[in-house]
Amino acid sequence: MEMISYTYTHDCGIVLECTLEYEPAETGSTENGLKMEPDYPSVATLTAAKINGADIFPLLGFDLIDEIEELAKQAHESQEIDV
């Protein structure tokens, strides 16, 4: 697991400095061509969302949390490929 930072800008102009836990995708094992373990997709989990240093994570709705996690994951993975 690795900690990543992501800056999220809401449609209304509010900027959140976010901290997330990121786990890369894992490919399950195979044996003699048979799948022994499932594949697991990458996951980003929001742990903090700050405005001017104040953590407002407990005030965020589930839909917004999901959106931030997905955007942060995509940004992080595209950065890994570009480097």
C-alpha atoms as a PDB file:
ATOM      1  CA  MET A   1       0.000   0.000   0.000  1.00  0.00           C
ATOM      2  CA  GLU A   2       1.172   3.509  -0.731  1.00  0.00           C
ATOM      3  CA  MET A   3      -0.133   6.910   0.295  1.00  0.00           C
ATOM      4  CA  ILE A   4      -0.930   9.313  -2.544  1.00  0.00           C
ATOM      5  CA  SER A   5      -2.014  12.952  -2.677  1.00  0.00           C
ATOM      6  CA  TYR A   6      -4.621  14.329  -5.044  1.00  0.00           C
ATOM      7  CA  THR A   7      -6.053  17.819  -5.511  1.00  0.00           C
ATOM      8  CA  TYR A   8      -9.767  17.706  -6.287  1.00  0.00           C
ATOM      9  CA  THR A   9     -11.622  20.773  -7.565  1.00  0.00           C
ATOM     10  CA  HIS A  10     -15.401  20.627  -7.167  1.00  0.00           C
ATOM     11  CA  ASP A  11     -17.729  22.133  -9.803  1.00  0.00           C
ATOM     12  CA  CYS A  12     -18.488  25.015  -7.434  1.00  0.00           C
ATOM     13  CA  GLY A  13     -14.771  25.911  -7.216  1.00  0.00           C
ATOM     14  CA  ILE A  14     -13.934  24.401  -3.823  1.00  0.00           C
ATOM     15  CA  VAL A  15     -10.475  22.799  -3.808  1.00  0.00           C
ATOM     16  CA  LEU A  16      -9.843  19.747  -1.615  1.00  0.00           C
ATOM     17  CA  GLU A  17      -6.361  18.484  -0.796  1.00  0.00           C
ATOM     18  CA  CYS A  18      -6.936  14.737  -0.542  1.00  0.00           C
ATOM     19  CA  THR A  19      -4.900  11.889   0.898  1.00  0.00           C
ATOM     20  CA  LEU A  20      -5.630   8.356  -0.247  1.00  0.00           C
ATOM     21  CA  GLU A  21      -4.333   4.831   0.321  1.00  0.00           C
ATOM     22  CA  TYR A  22      -3.519   3.216  -3.039  1.00  0.00           C
ATOM     23  CA  GLU A  23      -3.215  -0.514  -3.672  1.00  0.00           C
ATOM     24  CA  PRO A  24      -2.132  -1.593  -7.166  1.00  0.00           C
ATOM     25  CA  ALA A  25      -3.934  -4.300  -9.110  1.00  0.00           C
ATOM     26  CA  GLU A  26      -2.895  -7.886  -8.468  1.00  0.00           C
ATOM     27  CA  THR A  27      -3.027 -10.733 -10.937  1.00  0.00           C
ATOM     28  CA  GLY A  28      -4.128 -14.035  -9.431  1.00  0.00           C
ATOM     29  CA  SER A  29      -1.972 -17.090  -9.849  1.00  0.00           C
ATOM     30  CA  THR A  30      -2.492 -19.777 -12.455  1.00  0.00           C
ATOM     31  CA  GLU A  31      -1.362 -23.374 -12.469  1.00  0.00           C
ATOM     32  CA  ASN A  32      -1.279 -25.505 -15.610  1.00  0.00           C
ATOM     33  CA  GLY A  33      -3.414 -22.909 -17.354  1.00  0.00           C
ATOM     34  CA  LEU A  34      -6.077 -22.948 -14.634  1.00  0.00           C
ATOM     35  CA  LYS A  35      -6.909 -19.853 -12.596  1.00  0.00           C
ATOM     36  CA  MET A  36      -6.144 -20.624  -8.940  1.00  0.00           C
ATOM     37  CA  GLU A  37      -6.744 -17.143  -7.459  1.00  0.00           C
ATOM     38  CA  PRO A  38      -8.872 -14.217  -8.626  1.00  0.00           C
ATOM     39  CA  ASP A  39      -7.484 -10.976 -10.045  1.00  0.00           C
ATOM     40  CA  TYR A  40      -7.925  -7.898  -7.874  1.00  0.00           C
ATOM     41  CA  PRO A  41      -8.351  -4.419  -9.377  1.00  0.00           C
ATOM     42  CA  SER A  42      -6.403  -1.406  -8.113  1.00  0.00           C
ATOM     43  CA  VAL A  43      -8.091   0.510  -5.302  1.00  0.00           C
ATOM     44  CA  ALA A  44      -7.757   4.064  -3.973  1.00  0.00           C
ATOM     45  CA  THR A  45      -9.367   4.762  -0.575  1.00  0.00           C
ATOM     46  CA  LEU A  46      -9.888   8.336   0.597  1.00  0.00           C
ATOM     47  CA  THR A  47      -8.534   8.915   4.112  1.00  0.00           C
ATOM     48  CA  ALA A  48      -8.583  12.739   4.340  1.00  0.00           C
ATOM     49  CA  ALA A  49     -10.022  15.687   2.408  1.00  0.00           C
ATOM     50  CA  LYS A  50      -8.835  19.090   3.616  1.00  0.00           C
ATOM     51  CA  ILE A  51      -9.797  22.698   2.974  1.00  0.00           C
ATOM     52  CA  ASN A  52      -7.252  25.158   4.395  1.00  0.00           C
ATOM     53  CA  GLY A  53      -5.907  22.385   6.634  1.00  0.00           C
ATOM     54  CA  ALA A  54      -9.300  21.392   8.082  1.00  0.00           C
ATOM     55  CA  ASP A  55     -10.299  17.784   7.364  1.00  0.00           C
ATOM     56  CA  ILE A  56     -13.891  17.673   6.081  1.00  0.00           C
ATOM     57  CA  PHE A  57     -13.841  13.983   5.105  1.00  0.00           C
ATOM     58  CA  PRO A  58     -16.637  13.052   7.596  1.00  0.00           C
ATOM     59  CA  LEU A  59     -18.915  15.631   5.928  1.00  0.00           C
ATOM     60  CA  LEU A  60     -18.568  14.275   2.365  1.00  0.00           C
ATOM     61  CA  GLY A  61     -21.285  12.207   0.709  1.00  0.00           C
ATOM     62  CA  PHE A  62     -20.640   8.713  -0.586  1.00  0.00           C
ATOM     63  CA  ASP A  63     -21.025   9.768  -4.241  1.00  0.00           C
ATOM     64  CA  LEU A  64     -18.398  12.489  -3.882  1.00  0.00           C
ATOM     65  CA  ILE A  65     -16.022  10.126  -2.091  1.00  0.00           C
ATOM     66  CA  ASP A  66     -16.432   7.569  -4.900  1.00  0.00           C
ATOM     67  CA  GLU A  67     -15.759  10.265  -7.510  1.00  0.00           C
ATOM     68  CA  ILE A  68     -12.602  11.506  -5.750  1.00  0.00           C
ATOM     69  CA  GLU A  69     -11.299   7.948  -5.307  1.00  0.00           C
ATOM     70  CA  GLU A  70     -11.830   7.081  -8.978  1.00  0.00           C
ATOM     71  CA  LEU A  71     -10.294  10.313 -10.294  1.00  0.00           C
ATOM     72  CA  ALA A  72      -7.295  10.015  -7.956  1.00  0.00           C
ATOM     73  CA  LYS A  73      -6.749   6.391  -8.989  1.00  0.00           C
ATOM     74  CA  GLN A  74      -6.870   7.282 -12.687  1.00  0.00           C
ATOM     75  CA  ALA A  75      -4.500  10.224 -12.203  1.00  0.00           C
ATOM     76  CA  HIS A  76      -2.036   8.114 -10.208  1.00  0.00           C
ATOM     77  CA  GLU A  77      -2.060   5.244 -12.702  1.00  0.00           C
ATOM     78  CA  SER A  78      -1.602   7.557 -15.697  1.00  0.00           C
ATOM     79  CA  GLN A  79       1.352   9.163 -13.868  1.00  0.00           C
ATOM     80  CA  GLU A  80       2.944   5.744 -13.313  1.00  0.00           C
ATOM     81  CA  ILE A  81       2.713   4.991 -17.042  1.00  0.00           C
ATOM     82  CA  ASP A  82       4.093   8.397 -18.083  1.00  0.00           C
ATOM     83  CA  VAL A  83       7.166   8.164 -15.838  1.00  0.00           C
END
